[in-house]
Amino acid sequence: MGKLIHINGAPGVGKLTIARQMAIRLNARVLDNHAIYNVAFALTEFRSPGFYDAVRASRAAAFQQVLRLPDNETVIFTDAYFDDSKWGWESWGTIEHLADQRRWPFFSVALVCEAAEHRRRIVSAERAERGKLQDASYVDRTVTRRLIERTGDLSKRLDITHLSADTAASFLADWVEATTSGPHRNVAAADSRLSSIVTASPVLSTILGRWDAIALPDCWLSGSAIAQTAWNAAFGLSPEYGLADIDLVYFDDADLSEEGEVKQATRIRTLFPDVPLWIDAKNEARVHLWYEAKFGYPIPPYQSSEHAISTFPTTAGAVAIRPGGAGLSIFAPFGLSDLLSCTVRPNKAQITQAIYEAKVARWRSCWPALTIIDWHNL
């Protein structure tokens, strides 16, 4: 089976050099971000609408070629995607979708570097020869920005401040090879298992079967209903046991009104009169407007539905599905291991201990065989 390896890091840290060294070791292809962006840089104004359209077109053409590759190929991507960027989250979603289409394991690498060393690297002569960004002040402007990254067994954050490119590449190649030859080679099997569970659920399969009628931007079926359906399958319970509601999340930053969200949720419920559960539809683009009033502390605006899902309270609950070209499209930023092993683990990206403990209290009463990880054990 092939592999998709995504290396994310700020400009100038050394992504491409490391990717090329890894490619030699892994017999892989490299598709770096400049190969995607250069047409847009050459023919459009930077950051204009035309620039982003040109990047989307180049990326789509490149990804079509990736889909035509033999199944045993490995492709390494390099990018610079930040957590506070709507464009970054849009682009990240295309990588997730590509991995899902190919049914390849998705290895996520985040490269970080201390500011002083980063400044030295970004002004290197090699970058000048390639026409790359050489502004040392850029480091200071981005030092507090967080990279988009997955967590879980197929993800790795590596501080390369004191590592040569060769050493970093060898470390990452060893990690990829060890993980691929170990128990996580069964990533596709986990996806297949979840797909079977969803297909066996009358509620979830009904909603997915009418997906085109939902017609909401960046929409996913997500949240606890997926995890609870999987737990029911594991414990021999009926698919609907313990389910309180069904959550649909979407992202529409063109309409941040509460009225618009309520209107969409009402419309969605009329599509499923035969579903015996409450169906909620939440516009993740407006969550920051009401979050503080409900939970007592503010959050920054989400940049996409995937961004929001990545902050859900538990790793098992941070899973989303929708129909895809190759069957079921799955977004699981923490992987599916906790979900399929009936493990409840806090995702501390946003929630408090009180929120986590309140959520798991009901789950423990309904599914006492769950393995629940204490908040303090992480």
Protein backbone atom coordinates (compact mmCIF):
# COMPACT_ATOMS: atom_id res chain seq x y z
CA MET A 1 0.00 0.00 0.00
CA GLY A 2 1.15 3.54 -0.76
CA LYS A 3 1.50 6.34 1.74
CA LEU A 4 0.73 10.04 1.80
CA ILE A 5 3.24 12.00 3.88
CA HIS A 6 2.47 15.66 4.55
CA ILE A 7 5.24 17.89 5.91
CA ASN A 8 3.95 21.17 7.32
CA GLY A 9 6.23 23.96 8.46
CA ALA A 10 6.79 27.69 8.21
CA PRO A 11 8.71 28.97 5.17
CA GLY A 12 12.44 28.58 5.57
CA VAL A 13 12.63 25.78 8.14
CA GLY A 14 13.88 23.25 5.59
CA LYS A 15 10.83 21.23 4.54
CA LEU A 16 11.81 20.61 0.94
CA THR A 17 15.38 19.58 1.73
CA ILE A 18 14.15 17.09 4.30
CA ALA A 19 11.41 15.83 1.96
CA ARG A 20 13.93 15.15 -0.80
CA GLN A 21 16.18 13.22 1.58
CA MET A 22 13.19 11.19 2.79
CA ALA A 23 12.16 10.49 -0.81
CA ILE A 24 15.52 8.85 -1.51
CA ARG A 25 15.15 6.64 1.53
CA LEU A 26 11.49 5.74 0.92
CA ASN A 27 11.59 5.64 -2.88
CA ALA A 28 8.92 8.33 -2.88
CA ARG A 29 7.81 11.21 -5.05
CA VAL A 30 7.89 14.80 -3.75
CA LEU A 31 5.22 17.38 -4.55
CA ASP A 32 6.30 20.59 -2.83
CA ASN A 33 4.10 23.62 -2.37
CA HIS A 34 6.09 25.74 -4.83
CA ALA A 35 5.29 23.30 -7.63
CA ILE A 36 1.61 24.00 -6.95
CA TYR A 37 1.91 27.76 -6.40
CA ASN A 38 4.39 28.83 -9.09
CA VAL A 39 1.80 29.22 -11.86
CA ALA A 40 -0.23 31.52 -9.64
CA PHE A 41 2.86 33.52 -8.64
CA ALA A 42 3.85 33.94 -12.29
CA LEU A 43 0.48 34.90 -13.75
CA THR A 44 -1.62 36.57 -11.03
CA GLU A 45 -1.37 39.13 -8.26
CA PHE A 46 -0.42 37.57 -4.95
CA ARG A 47 -3.42 37.00 -2.66
CA SER A 48 -5.91 38.24 -5.26
CA PRO A 49 -9.01 36.12 -5.94
CA GLY A 50 -7.37 35.07 -9.19
CA PHE A 51 -4.29 33.91 -7.29
CA TYR A 52 -6.29 31.53 -5.11
CA ASP A 53 -8.30 30.28 -8.08
CA ALA A 54 -5.08 29.53 -9.96
CA VAL A 55 -3.68 27.62 -6.98
CA ARG A 56 -6.89 25.61 -6.70
CA ALA A 57 -6.73 24.74 -10.40
CA SER A 58 -3.05 23.72 -10.23
CA ARG A 59 -3.65 21.68 -7.12
CA ALA A 60 -6.66 19.91 -8.62
CA ALA A 61 -4.64 18.95 -11.71
CA ALA A 62 -1.76 17.69 -9.57
CA PHE A 63 -4.04 15.68 -7.31
CA GLN A 64 -5.68 14.05 -10.31
CA GLN A 65 -2.24 12.80 -11.30
CA VAL A 66 -1.71 11.47 -7.78
CA LEU A 67 -4.96 9.52 -8.07
CA ARG A 68 -3.63 7.86 -11.24
CA LEU A 69 -0.44 6.61 -9.58
CA PRO A 70 -0.04 2.89 -8.80
CA ASP A 71 -1.33 1.91 -5.37
CA ASN A 72 2.15 1.18 -4.00
CA GLU A 73 3.47 4.72 -4.57
CA THR A 74 4.43 7.06 -1.74
CA VAL A 75 4.04 10.83 -2.19
CA ILE A 76 5.53 13.45 0.12
CA PHE A 77 3.87 16.88 0.20
CA THR A 78 5.30 20.07 1.69
CA ASP A 79 3.19 23.04 2.77
CA ALA A 80 2.97 25.95 5.20
CA TYR A 81 -0.54 25.86 6.71
CA PHE A 82 -1.39 27.75 9.89
CA ASP A 83 -4.22 27.16 12.34
CA ASP A 84 -5.51 30.76 12.09
CA SER A 85 -5.83 30.72 8.30
CA LYS A 86 -9.05 29.97 6.45
CA TRP A 87 -6.99 29.25 3.35
CA GLY A 88 -4.79 26.91 5.35
CA TRP A 89 -7.78 24.90 6.56
CA GLU A 90 -9.30 24.80 3.08
CA SER A 91 -6.02 23.48 1.69
CA TRP A 92 -5.58 21.01 4.55
CA GLY A 93 -9.02 19.62 3.78
CA THR A 94 -7.98 18.87 0.20
CA ILE A 95 -5.02 16.82 1.46
CA GLU A 96 -7.28 14.89 3.84
CA HIS A 97 -9.70 14.23 1.00
CA LEU A 98 -6.92 13.07 -1.32
CA ALA A 99 -5.68 10.56 1.26
CA ASP A 100 -9.24 9.33 1.69
CA GLN A 101 -9.71 8.92 -2.06
CA ARG A 102 -6.49 6.93 -2.37
CA ARG A 103 -7.20 4.97 0.83
CA TRP A 104 -3.59 5.60 1.84
CA PRO A 105 -2.34 6.03 5.39
CA PHE A 106 -1.92 9.77 6.02
CA PHE A 107 1.31 10.61 7.86
CA SER A 108 1.31 14.15 9.23
CA VAL A 109 4.63 15.83 10.09
CA ALA A 110 4.93 19.29 11.67
CA LEU A 111 8.42 20.82 11.63
CA VAL A 112 9.27 23.54 14.16
CA CYS A 113 12.45 25.53 14.65
CA GLU A 114 13.67 28.07 17.20
CA ALA A 115 13.46 31.66 15.98
CA ALA A 116 17.20 32.43 15.82
CA GLU A 117 17.97 29.35 13.72
CA HIS A 118 14.88 29.96 11.60
CA ARG A 119 16.11 33.48 10.79
CA ARG A 120 19.46 32.06 9.71
CA ARG A 121 17.86 29.49 7.44
CA ILE A 122 15.33 31.76 5.79
CA VAL A 123 18.04 34.06 4.38
CA SER A 124 20.22 31.24 3.01
CA ALA A 125 21.82 31.56 -0.42
CA GLU A 126 20.07 28.39 -1.53
CA ARG A 127 16.66 30.00 -0.98
CA ALA A 128 17.78 33.06 -2.94
CA GLU A 129 18.75 30.88 -5.90
CA ARG A 130 15.26 29.35 -5.91
CA GLY A 131 13.46 32.68 -5.62
CA LYS A 132 11.99 31.82 -2.22
CA LEU A 133 10.98 34.16 0.59
CA GLN A 134 14.06 35.58 2.38
CA ASP A 135 12.49 38.04 4.82
CA ALA A 136 13.90 37.37 8.30
CA SER A 137 11.22 39.58 9.85
CA TYR A 138 8.68 37.01 8.66
CA VAL A 139 9.93 34.72 11.43
CA ASP A 140 8.99 37.28 14.08
CA ARG A 141 5.54 37.75 12.55
CA THR A 142 4.78 34.03 12.62
CA VAL A 143 6.56 32.88 15.78
CA THR A 144 3.29 32.68 17.75
CA ARG A 145 1.21 31.12 14.96
CA ARG A 146 0.33 27.44 15.32
CA LEU A 147 0.75 25.01 12.49
CA ILE A 148 -2.18 22.84 11.44
CA GLU A 149 -1.31 19.32 12.49
CA ARG A 150 -2.92 16.03 13.32
CA THR A 151 -2.36 14.16 16.52
CA GLY A 152 -2.20 10.43 16.97
CA ASP A 153 0.01 7.56 15.95
CA LEU A 154 0.45 8.69 12.34
CA SER A 155 1.50 12.19 13.34
CA LYS A 156 4.83 13.59 14.41
CA ARG A 157 5.99 17.01 15.61
CA LEU A 158 9.74 17.40 15.24
CA ASP A 159 11.95 20.25 16.47
CA ILE A 160 14.69 20.50 13.85
CA THR A 161 16.57 23.45 15.38
CA HIS A 162 19.67 21.37 16.06
CA LEU A 163 19.18 18.68 13.41
CA SER A 164 20.75 18.51 9.97
CA ALA A 165 18.40 17.83 7.09
CA ASP A 166 19.89 14.37 6.68
CA THR A 167 19.42 13.50 10.36
CA ALA A 168 15.83 14.78 10.40
CA ALA A 169 15.02 12.90 7.18
CA SER A 170 16.50 9.65 8.51
CA PHE A 171 14.54 9.98 11.76
CA LEU A 172 11.26 10.59 9.94
CA ALA A 173 11.86 7.83 7.39
CA ASP A 174 12.62 5.38 10.21
CA TRP A 175 9.38 6.41 11.93
CA VAL A 176 7.31 5.97 8.76
CA GLU A 177 8.81 2.57 8.03
CA ALA A 178 8.41 1.35 11.60
CA THR A 179 4.81 2.53 11.76
CA THR A 180 3.93 1.04 8.39
CA SER A 181 5.37 -2.34 9.32
CA GLY A 182 3.66 -2.30 12.72
CA PRO A 183 0.02 -2.51 13.77
CA HIS A 184 -0.93 0.79 12.14
CA ARG A 185 -0.54 -0.68 8.67
CA ASN A 186 -4.23 -1.49 9.12
CA VAL A 187 -5.44 2.11 8.72
CA ALA A 188 -7.49 1.10 5.68
CA ALA A 189 -8.97 -1.75 7.69
CA ALA A 190 -10.07 0.72 10.38
CA ASP A 191 -11.76 2.88 7.75
CA SER A 192 -13.47 -0.20 6.35
CA ARG A 193 -14.65 -1.23 9.82
CA LEU A 194 -16.20 2.19 10.47
CA SER A 195 -17.85 2.15 7.04
CA SER A 196 -19.45 -1.21 7.88
CA ILE A 197 -20.71 0.11 11.22
CA VAL A 198 -22.24 3.17 9.56
CA THR A 199 -23.87 1.07 6.83
CA ALA A 200 -25.48 -1.13 9.49
CA SER A 201 -27.02 1.88 11.24
CA PRO A 202 -30.51 2.71 9.91
CA VAL A 203 -30.22 6.29 11.15
CA LEU A 204 -26.76 7.14 9.86
CA SER A 205 -27.21 5.35 6.55
CA THR A 206 -30.53 7.13 5.97
CA ILE A 207 -28.95 10.55 6.47
CA LEU A 208 -25.98 9.74 4.23
CA GLY A 209 -28.32 8.31 1.61
CA ARG A 210 -30.02 11.70 1.19
CA TRP A 211 -26.86 13.77 1.49
CA ASP A 212 -27.34 15.73 -1.72
CA ALA A 213 -30.60 17.15 -0.37
CA ILE A 214 -28.79 18.58 2.68
CA ALA A 215 -26.83 20.95 0.41
CA LEU A 216 -24.86 22.82 3.08
CA PRO A 217 -21.31 24.13 2.53
CA ASP A 218 -18.43 22.13 4.03
CA CYS A 219 -20.93 19.84 5.73
CA TRP A 220 -20.15 16.72 7.77
CA LEU A 221 -22.14 14.31 9.91
CA SER A 222 -20.12 14.39 13.09
CA GLY A 223 -20.00 14.20 16.83
CA SER A 224 -20.91 11.68 19.46
CA ALA A 225 -23.52 9.81 17.42
CA ILE A 226 -20.77 8.22 15.34
CA ALA A 227 -18.82 7.11 18.41
CA GLN A 228 -21.92 5.85 20.18
CA THR A 229 -22.99 3.85 17.12
CA ALA A 230 -19.54 2.25 17.07
CA TRP A 231 -19.75 1.45 20.80
CA ASN A 232 -23.14 -0.14 20.29
CA ALA A 233 -21.69 -2.35 17.57
CA ALA A 234 -18.80 -3.34 19.86
CA PHE A 235 -21.03 -4.11 22.84
CA GLY A 236 -23.78 -5.93 20.91
CA LEU A 237 -26.41 -3.22 21.41
CA SER A 238 -28.91 -1.87 18.91
CA PRO A 239 -27.45 0.85 16.66
CA GLU A 240 -29.66 3.60 18.15
CA TYR A 241 -29.14 2.70 21.81
CA GLY A 242 -28.18 5.76 23.87
CA LEU A 243 -28.18 8.21 20.97
CA ALA A 244 -29.64 11.56 21.97
CA ASP A 245 -29.35 13.42 18.67
CA ILE A 246 -27.57 13.67 15.34
CA ASP A 247 -25.16 16.52 14.66
CA LEU A 248 -24.48 18.04 11.28
CA VAL A 249 -21.80 20.72 11.11
CA TYR A 250 -21.29 23.10 8.21
CA PHE A 251 -19.33 26.28 7.51
CA ASP A 252 -21.02 29.33 6.03
CA ASP A 253 -19.18 32.55 6.83
CA ALA A 254 -21.44 34.44 4.43
CA ASP A 255 -24.34 34.14 6.90
CA LEU A 256 -23.38 34.39 10.57
CA SER A 257 -26.90 35.06 11.76
CA GLU A 258 -28.66 32.88 14.29
CA GLU A 259 -31.79 33.13 12.15
CA GLY A 260 -29.98 31.66 9.16
CA GLU A 261 -28.70 28.75 11.22
CA VAL A 262 -32.14 28.03 12.67
CA LYS A 263 -33.68 28.17 9.19
CA GLN A 264 -31.19 25.62 7.85
CA ALA A 265 -31.64 23.31 10.84
CA THR A 266 -35.41 23.41 10.44
CA ARG A 267 -35.14 22.68 6.72
CA ILE A 268 -32.84 19.72 7.37
CA ARG A 269 -35.23 18.18 9.88
CA THR A 270 -38.06 18.26 7.32
CA LEU A 271 -35.90 16.10 5.05
CA PHE A 272 -35.85 13.25 7.56
CA PRO A 273 -39.33 12.74 9.04
CA ASP A 274 -38.54 9.03 9.36
CA VAL A 275 -35.46 9.55 11.56
CA PRO A 276 -36.55 9.13 15.20
CA LEU A 277 -33.87 11.46 16.63
CA TRP A 278 -33.43 15.21 16.84
CA ILE A 279 -31.18 16.44 14.02
CA ASP A 280 -29.17 19.56 14.75
CA ALA A 281 -27.26 21.63 12.19
CA LYS A 282 -24.61 24.01 13.48
CA ASN A 283 -22.81 26.66 11.46
CA GLU A 284 -19.25 26.42 12.79
CA ALA A 285 -18.44 29.83 11.29
CA ARG A 286 -20.50 31.52 14.03
CA VAL A 287 -19.66 29.41 17.11
CA HIS A 288 -17.26 32.05 18.45
CA LEU A 289 -20.19 34.50 18.65
CA TRP A 290 -22.00 32.51 21.37
CA TYR A 291 -19.35 30.24 22.89
CA GLU A 292 -18.28 32.56 25.72
CA ALA A 293 -21.85 33.13 26.88
CA LYS A 294 -22.42 29.39 27.12
CA PHE A 295 -19.08 28.12 28.40
CA GLY A 296 -17.56 31.13 30.14
CA TYR A 297 -14.52 31.81 27.97
CA PRO A 298 -13.99 33.07 24.40
CA ILE A 299 -12.56 31.18 21.45
CA PRO A 300 -11.20 32.48 18.12
CA PRO A 301 -13.29 31.97 14.99
CA TYR A 302 -13.00 28.60 13.33
CA GLN A 303 -11.61 28.61 9.80
CA SER A 304 -13.49 25.56 8.50
CA SER A 305 -15.66 22.67 9.64
CA GLU A 306 -12.55 20.51 9.89
CA HIS A 307 -10.94 23.10 12.18
CA ALA A 308 -13.97 22.93 14.46
CA ILE A 309 -14.08 19.13 14.49
CA SER A 310 -10.42 19.09 15.53
CA THR A 311 -11.41 20.83 18.79
CA PHE A 312 -14.25 18.47 19.74
CA PRO A 313 -14.07 17.33 23.40
CA THR A 314 -12.87 13.76 22.87
CA THR A 315 -10.64 12.02 20.37
CA ALA A 316 -13.28 9.36 19.71
CA GLY A 317 -15.91 12.04 19.11
CA ALA A 318 -13.69 14.08 16.78
CA VAL A 319 -14.71 12.00 13.79
CA ALA A 320 -16.83 13.13 10.86
CA ILE A 321 -18.24 11.37 7.81
CA ARG A 322 -19.95 12.15 4.54
CA PRO A 323 -20.32 10.40 1.18
CA GLY A 324 -17.13 10.43 -0.87
CA GLY A 325 -16.07 9.41 -4.33
CA ALA A 326 -14.61 6.12 -3.05
CA GLY A 327 -17.41 5.35 -0.60
CA LEU A 328 -17.37 6.97 2.83
CA SER A 329 -15.22 10.05 3.34
CA ILE A 330 -13.82 10.11 6.88
CA PHE A 331 -12.23 13.04 8.69
CA ALA A 332 -10.53 11.81 11.85
CA PRO A 333 -7.75 14.17 13.04
CA PHE A 334 -6.84 11.80 15.90
CA GLY A 335 -7.31 8.60 13.89
CA LEU A 336 -9.86 5.87 14.57
CA SER A 337 -7.98 3.84 17.17
CA ASP A 338 -9.76 5.31 20.22
CA LEU A 339 -13.14 5.15 18.50
CA LEU A 340 -12.87 1.49 17.54
CA SER A 341 -11.27 0.42 20.83
CA CYS A 342 -14.09 2.11 22.83
CA THR A 343 -11.64 4.49 24.51
CA VAL A 344 -12.74 7.94 25.66
CA ARG A 345 -9.80 10.34 25.79
CA PRO A 346 -9.98 14.12 26.33
CA ASN A 347 -8.98 16.45 23.54
CA LYS A 348 -7.63 19.43 25.46
CA ALA A 349 -7.39 21.75 22.47
CA GLN A 350 -10.31 23.83 23.74
CA ILE A 351 -12.42 22.27 26.50
CA THR A 352 -12.04 22.41 30.27
CA GLN A 353 -11.92 19.51 32.72
CA ALA A 354 -15.48 20.29 33.85
CA ILE A 355 -16.83 20.05 30.30
CA TYR A 356 -15.07 16.74 29.73
CA GLU A 357 -16.22 15.16 32.98
CA ALA A 358 -19.82 16.24 32.46
CA LYS A 359 -19.83 14.69 29.02
CA VAL A 360 -18.35 11.34 30.04
CA ALA A 361 -20.62 10.96 33.07
CA ARG A 362 -23.64 10.10 30.91
CA TRP A 363 -21.56 7.92 28.62
CA ARG A 364 -20.28 5.89 31.56
CA SER A 365 -23.85 5.21 32.69
CA CYS A 366 -24.93 4.04 29.21
CA TRP A 367 -21.76 2.18 28.22
CA PRO A 368 -20.06 1.04 31.45
CA ALA A 369 -17.50 -1.06 29.55
CA LEU A 370 -15.90 2.02 27.98
CA THR A 371 -12.27 2.73 28.80
CA ILE A 372 -12.35 6.32 30.04
CA ILE A 373 -9.04 8.15 30.33
CA ASP A 374 -8.84 10.48 33.32
CA TRP A 375 -8.31 14.16 32.49
CA HIS A 376 -5.07 14.23 34.47
CA ASN A 377 -3.59 11.17 32.80
CA LEU A 378 -2.58 13.06 29.67
